[in-house]
Amino acid sequence: MSSDPTRPNPEWWQAQQPQAAQGFEGTQETQRFPVGQGWDQGGPGSSGGRRRARGYQQPPQYRRRRRRWPFVSLIVILLILVAADRGANAYTEDQMASQVQSSLALSGKPQVTIQGFPFLTQLAARDFRTVDISASNETAGTAGQLEIQSLTATLHGMHIHGLKSATVDQFSASALVTFTALGKAGGIPQGITLSADGPNRVKADISLGPLSDSAVAQVTQTGSSQINIKIINAGGIPLSVLGSATNFTITIPKLPAGVSIQSVSVTQQGLRIVATGHNTTLSQ
């Protein structure tokens, strides 16, 4: 052994060298990246490249981003189903409006709203829980006998049978006939103006040439679809001058089978007619 202090001790130098770990083979580059800790045996220059070895854990950000896709797909599917449900609902409402128009002999197509969601389940069963119908400024009857200012109806438990018929568990409707429309339906001559005079009476202001006075008519329901208007006090005017205005009857045309008028009342706007029915039939 040399006593020169400037020369390193060979034995000491060898003791300081790090020993190669067992299982490391190849070049210095492969020794820097042990097998099974992130790199394949081929090293960075091999055909496999720097592939992730088994046991490598992905970063948390990547895992969260990958888990979000199933939720996005679920939302897209739900949106498609809702759009299909609403589209089928709108189409069925339009077809049902045509059927109601034909069944009630209306001059125009009413507005139909089918309640309840989802709709496709009701369509598949052909049973609709609640159907609302509304219309305004309609003419009912094949010859346009009666003008209806507003019409609302609610159908509970509508069951479709085939393409042109349906049954309804409960049917309720309300219609408003103005005094002007009432006068046209009764053939009342010009010069006579109708107005309200109590819950079941109509006042007629008469101005026919030199004759001017007021008369009172009684409004009475006389049948399942008929309403009678009869003058009970003509004042000082002879009944012969009033013609058909003294006593006339109007018929509510084309009520569905099983539906009848339940009440008639006189309001400030005109006659309010309420009709109801059970196990009624709608058909074209």
Protein backbone atom coordinates (compact mmCIF):
# COMPACT_ATOMS: atom_id res chain seq x y z
CA MET A 1 0.00 0.00 0.00
CA SER A 2 1.29 3.46 -0.98
CA SER A 3 1.76 6.05 1.67
CA ASP A 4 1.18 8.93 -0.76
CA PRO A 5 -1.71 10.93 0.72
CA THR A 6 -2.66 12.37 -2.67
CA ARG A 7 -3.47 9.01 -4.17
CA PRO A 8 -6.82 7.50 -3.28
CA ASN A 9 -6.94 4.21 -1.52
CA PRO A 10 -8.09 1.64 -4.09
CA GLU A 11 -9.97 -0.38 -1.53
CA TRP A 12 -11.69 2.74 -0.22
CA TRP A 13 -12.66 3.85 -3.73
CA GLN A 14 -14.20 0.53 -4.58
CA ALA A 15 -16.17 0.56 -1.36
CA GLN A 16 -17.78 3.86 -2.40
CA GLN A 17 -18.96 2.58 -5.80
CA PRO A 18 -22.72 1.77 -5.87
CA GLN A 19 -23.32 -1.84 -6.60
CA ALA A 20 -25.67 -2.69 -9.40
CA ALA A 21 -29.03 -3.84 -8.11
CA GLN A 22 -30.01 -7.35 -8.86
CA GLY A 23 -32.19 -7.66 -11.90
CA PHE A 24 -30.52 -4.74 -13.76
CA GLU A 25 -29.04 -5.59 -17.06
CA GLY A 26 -28.08 -3.79 -20.21
CA THR A 27 -26.74 -0.34 -20.72
CA GLN A 28 -26.51 2.53 -18.34
CA GLU A 29 -29.71 3.95 -19.83
CA THR A 30 -31.69 0.84 -18.97
CA GLN A 31 -30.25 0.80 -15.49
CA ARG A 32 -31.69 4.27 -14.91
CA PHE A 33 -35.19 2.93 -15.54
CA PRO A 34 -35.61 -0.43 -13.84
CA VAL A 35 -37.98 -2.96 -15.33
CA GLY A 36 -41.41 -2.95 -13.73
CA GLN A 37 -41.15 0.69 -12.56
CA GLY A 38 -42.45 2.57 -15.57
CA TRP A 39 -40.40 1.26 -18.53
CA ASP A 40 -40.19 -1.94 -20.55
CA GLN A 41 -36.96 -3.87 -20.87
CA GLY A 42 -36.44 -2.47 -24.33
CA GLY A 43 -35.74 0.97 -22.91
CA PRO A 44 -36.60 4.25 -24.55
CA GLY A 45 -35.07 3.25 -27.84
CA SER A 46 -36.98 0.02 -28.32
CA SER A 47 -40.01 -0.48 -30.61
CA GLY A 48 -42.35 -0.43 -27.63
CA GLY A 49 -41.20 3.03 -26.66
CA ARG A 50 -41.98 4.35 -23.27
CA ARG A 51 -45.07 2.32 -22.51
CA ARG A 52 -46.78 2.31 -19.17
CA ALA A 53 -45.94 -0.78 -17.17
CA ARG A 54 -48.38 -2.73 -15.07
CA GLY A 55 -48.94 -1.08 -11.75
CA TYR A 56 -48.55 2.47 -13.06
CA GLN A 57 -51.25 4.71 -11.59
CA GLN A 58 -52.88 7.33 -13.83
CA PRO A 59 -53.01 10.91 -12.63
CA PRO A 60 -56.19 11.84 -10.74
CA GLN A 61 -57.10 14.49 -13.36
CA TYR A 62 -57.16 11.89 -16.13
CA ARG A 63 -59.35 9.48 -14.14
CA ARG A 64 -61.94 12.19 -13.39
CA ARG A 65 -62.09 13.26 -17.01
CA ARG A 66 -62.67 9.70 -18.18
CA ARG A 67 -65.49 9.09 -15.68
CA ARG A 68 -67.40 12.12 -16.92
CA TRP A 69 -68.23 10.55 -20.30
CA PRO A 70 -70.91 8.10 -19.05
CA PHE A 71 -72.84 10.98 -17.48
CA VAL A 72 -72.64 13.01 -20.69
CA SER A 73 -73.91 10.05 -22.68
CA LEU A 74 -76.78 9.57 -20.24
CA ILE A 75 -77.79 13.23 -20.57
CA VAL A 76 -77.74 12.99 -24.37
CA ILE A 77 -79.93 9.89 -24.29
CA LEU A 78 -82.41 11.58 -21.94
CA LEU A 79 -82.59 14.64 -24.19
CA ILE A 80 -83.30 12.44 -27.21
CA LEU A 81 -86.06 10.62 -25.33
CA VAL A 82 -87.64 13.88 -24.15
CA ALA A 83 -87.53 15.30 -27.69
CA ALA A 84 -89.16 12.15 -29.07
CA ASP A 85 -91.81 12.29 -26.34
CA ARG A 86 -92.67 15.94 -27.05
CA GLY A 87 -92.71 15.38 -30.80
CA ALA A 88 -95.11 12.46 -30.50
CA ASN A 89 -97.23 14.53 -28.12
CA ALA A 90 -97.55 17.43 -30.56
CA TYR A 91 -98.41 15.15 -33.48
CA THR A 92 -101.09 13.30 -31.51
CA GLU A 93 -102.61 16.55 -30.27
CA ASP A 94 -102.95 17.76 -33.87
CA GLN A 95 -104.60 14.51 -34.97
CA MET A 96 -106.92 14.58 -31.98
CA ALA A 97 -107.91 18.18 -32.74
CA SER A 98 -109.04 17.09 -36.20
CA GLN A 99 -111.13 14.32 -34.65
CA VAL A 100 -112.74 16.70 -32.15
CA GLN A 101 -113.49 19.19 -34.93
CA SER A 102 -115.31 16.51 -36.91
CA SER A 103 -117.09 15.09 -33.86
CA LEU A 104 -118.43 18.48 -32.70
CA ALA A 105 -118.93 19.88 -36.22
CA LEU A 106 -116.80 22.94 -35.50
CA SER A 107 -115.82 25.38 -38.22
CA GLY A 108 -112.15 25.35 -37.20
CA LYS A 109 -109.64 23.08 -35.51
CA PRO A 110 -109.62 23.56 -31.72
CA GLN A 111 -106.56 23.65 -29.47
CA VAL A 112 -105.93 20.27 -27.84
CA THR A 113 -103.55 19.69 -24.93
CA ILE A 114 -102.80 16.19 -23.65
CA GLN A 115 -101.71 16.35 -20.03
CA GLY A 116 -99.21 14.06 -18.36
CA PHE A 117 -95.56 13.10 -18.77
CA PRO A 118 -94.21 10.93 -20.17
CA PHE A 119 -96.55 10.85 -23.14
CA LEU A 120 -95.18 7.80 -24.96
CA THR A 121 -96.41 5.45 -22.24
CA GLN A 122 -99.94 6.84 -22.64
CA LEU A 123 -99.69 6.54 -26.41
CA ALA A 124 -98.53 2.94 -26.20
CA ALA A 125 -101.52 2.08 -23.99
CA ARG A 126 -103.88 4.33 -26.04
CA ASP A 127 -105.19 5.71 -22.77
CA PHE A 128 -104.90 9.42 -22.00
CA ARG A 129 -105.50 10.60 -18.47
CA THR A 130 -106.57 14.22 -19.16
CA VAL A 131 -107.22 16.05 -22.41
CA ASP A 132 -108.03 19.78 -22.51
CA ILE A 133 -109.83 21.35 -25.48
CA SER A 134 -110.30 25.05 -26.14
CA ALA A 135 -111.63 27.07 -29.06
CA SER A 136 -112.81 30.61 -29.75
CA ASN A 137 -115.04 32.26 -32.35
CA GLU A 138 -116.32 28.96 -33.66
CA THR A 139 -119.46 28.09 -35.57
CA ALA A 140 -121.12 24.82 -34.57
CA GLY A 141 -123.42 22.82 -36.77
CA THR A 142 -123.32 21.66 -40.38
CA ALA A 143 -125.12 24.81 -41.56
CA GLY A 144 -123.48 27.23 -39.14
CA GLN A 145 -126.52 27.48 -36.90
CA LEU A 146 -124.79 28.74 -33.77
CA GLU A 147 -121.82 31.00 -33.20
CA ILE A 148 -119.78 30.18 -30.10
CA GLN A 149 -117.49 32.84 -28.73
CA SER A 150 -115.53 30.48 -26.48
CA LEU A 151 -115.52 26.77 -25.80
CA THR A 152 -113.59 24.81 -23.18
CA ALA A 153 -113.79 21.10 -22.48
CA THR A 154 -111.96 18.61 -20.28
CA LEU A 155 -111.89 14.89 -20.99
CA HIS A 156 -110.86 12.54 -18.20
CA GLY A 157 -109.93 9.00 -19.19
CA MET A 158 -109.88 9.04 -22.99
CA HIS A 159 -109.48 5.62 -24.62
CA ILE A 160 -108.66 5.34 -28.32
CA HIS A 161 -110.35 2.63 -30.37
CA GLY A 162 -109.11 2.36 -33.90
CA LEU A 163 -108.36 5.47 -35.94
CA LYS A 164 -111.71 7.27 -35.84
CA SER A 165 -113.35 6.59 -32.49
CA ALA A 166 -112.70 7.06 -28.80
CA THR A 167 -114.57 6.74 -25.53
CA VAL A 168 -114.32 9.17 -22.63
CA ASP A 169 -114.96 8.30 -19.00
CA GLN A 170 -115.92 11.86 -17.98
CA PHE A 171 -116.70 14.74 -20.32
CA SER A 172 -117.35 18.32 -19.20
CA ALA A 173 -117.65 21.40 -21.40
CA SER A 174 -118.62 25.04 -21.16
CA ALA A 175 -119.62 27.32 -24.04
CA LEU A 176 -120.45 31.02 -24.25
CA VAL A 177 -123.01 32.23 -26.81
CA THR A 178 -123.17 36.01 -27.10
CA PHE A 179 -126.48 37.87 -27.25
CA THR A 180 -125.73 38.84 -30.84
CA ALA A 181 -125.21 35.20 -31.78
CA LEU A 182 -128.36 34.29 -29.86
CA GLY A 183 -130.35 36.82 -31.86
CA LYS A 184 -128.99 35.48 -35.15
CA ALA A 185 -129.80 31.89 -34.17
CA GLY A 186 -133.39 32.89 -33.22
CA GLY A 187 -133.99 34.99 -36.32
CA ILE A 188 -134.67 38.13 -34.27
CA PRO A 189 -135.16 41.13 -36.58
CA GLN A 190 -132.94 44.19 -36.48
CA GLY A 191 -134.05 46.79 -34.00
CA ILE A 192 -134.15 44.37 -31.08
CA THR A 193 -131.14 44.28 -28.75
CA LEU A 194 -130.72 41.56 -26.15
CA SER A 195 -129.01 41.88 -22.76
CA ALA A 196 -128.93 40.19 -19.35
CA ASP A 197 -131.86 40.59 -16.97
CA GLY A 198 -131.15 38.07 -14.23
CA PRO A 199 -129.76 34.54 -14.06
CA ASN A 200 -132.40 33.07 -16.41
CA ARG A 201 -133.97 36.03 -18.17
CA VAL A 202 -133.07 38.16 -21.17
CA LYS A 203 -134.07 41.76 -21.69
CA ALA A 204 -135.05 42.85 -25.18
CA ASP A 205 -134.80 46.56 -26.00
CA ILE A 206 -137.15 47.10 -28.94
CA SER A 207 -136.96 49.96 -31.41
CA LEU A 208 -139.10 49.21 -34.45
CA GLY A 209 -140.12 52.37 -36.27
CA PRO A 210 -142.45 54.33 -34.03
CA LEU A 211 -142.53 51.52 -31.47
CA SER A 212 -140.01 51.66 -28.64
CA ASP A 213 -140.16 49.66 -25.43
CA SER A 214 -138.57 46.83 -23.47
CA ALA A 215 -139.59 43.20 -23.16
CA VAL A 216 -138.44 40.36 -20.93
CA ALA A 217 -137.87 36.79 -22.13
CA GLN A 218 -137.51 33.64 -20.08
CA VAL A 219 -134.62 31.26 -20.85
CA THR A 220 -135.42 27.58 -20.25
CA GLN A 221 -133.73 24.33 -21.09
CA THR A 222 -136.28 22.14 -22.84
CA GLY A 223 -134.24 19.12 -23.86
CA SER A 224 -130.86 17.46 -23.69
CA SER A 225 -129.58 19.87 -26.35
CA GLN A 226 -132.30 22.53 -26.69
CA ILE A 227 -132.83 25.98 -25.13
CA ASN A 228 -136.08 27.94 -25.36
CA ILE A 229 -136.36 31.75 -25.21
CA LYS A 230 -139.91 33.04 -24.74
CA ILE A 231 -141.13 36.57 -24.07
CA ILE A 232 -143.13 36.73 -20.87
CA ASN A 233 -143.61 40.51 -20.78
CA ALA A 234 -143.74 42.54 -24.01
CA GLY A 235 -144.42 45.88 -22.36
CA GLY A 236 -146.66 48.00 -24.61
CA ILE A 237 -145.60 46.33 -27.88
CA PRO A 238 -147.98 43.86 -29.63
CA LEU A 239 -146.49 40.35 -29.84
CA SER A 240 -147.45 40.17 -33.50
CA VAL A 241 -144.88 42.87 -34.25
CA LEU A 242 -142.05 40.88 -32.68
CA GLY A 243 -142.51 37.86 -34.93
CA SER A 244 -140.25 34.90 -34.11
CA ALA A 245 -138.65 36.82 -31.23
CA THR A 246 -141.68 36.08 -29.05
CA ASN A 247 -140.86 32.37 -28.76
CA PHE A 248 -137.95 30.49 -30.34
CA THR A 249 -135.75 27.50 -29.58
CA ILE A 250 -132.09 26.97 -30.38
CA THR A 251 -130.45 23.57 -30.61
CA ILE A 252 -126.88 22.91 -29.61
CA PRO A 253 -125.76 20.88 -32.62
CA LYS A 254 -123.85 17.61 -32.70
CA LEU A 255 -123.25 16.88 -29.05
CA PRO A 256 -121.25 13.67 -28.59
CA ALA A 257 -123.19 10.55 -27.71
CA GLY A 258 -123.83 10.48 -23.98
CA VAL A 259 -123.36 14.26 -23.52
CA SER A 260 -126.25 16.52 -22.55
CA ILE A 261 -126.77 20.08 -21.34
CA GLN A 262 -126.72 20.32 -17.58
CA SER A 263 -127.30 24.03 -17.03
CA VAL A 264 -127.97 27.28 -18.87
CA SER A 265 -127.36 30.65 -17.25
CA VAL A 266 -127.54 34.25 -18.42
CA THR A 267 -124.38 36.30 -17.88
CA GLN A 268 -123.40 39.81 -18.89
CA GLN A 269 -121.67 38.38 -21.98
CA GLY A 270 -124.44 36.02 -23.09
CA LEU A 271 -125.65 32.49 -22.44
CA ARG A 272 -123.32 30.20 -20.53
CA ILE A 273 -124.04 26.57 -21.43
CA VAL A 274 -122.58 23.69 -19.43
CA ALA A 275 -122.68 20.13 -20.76
CA THR A 276 -121.44 16.91 -19.18
CA GLY A 277 -121.38 13.22 -20.01
CA HIS A 278 -120.13 9.84 -18.81
CA ASN A 279 -118.85 7.04 -21.03
CA THR A 280 -119.27 9.25 -24.05
CA THR A 281 -118.19 8.44 -27.60
CA LEU A 282 -116.25 10.63 -30.00
CA SER A 283 -116.27 9.56 -33.64
CA GLN A 284 -115.72 11.06 -37.05
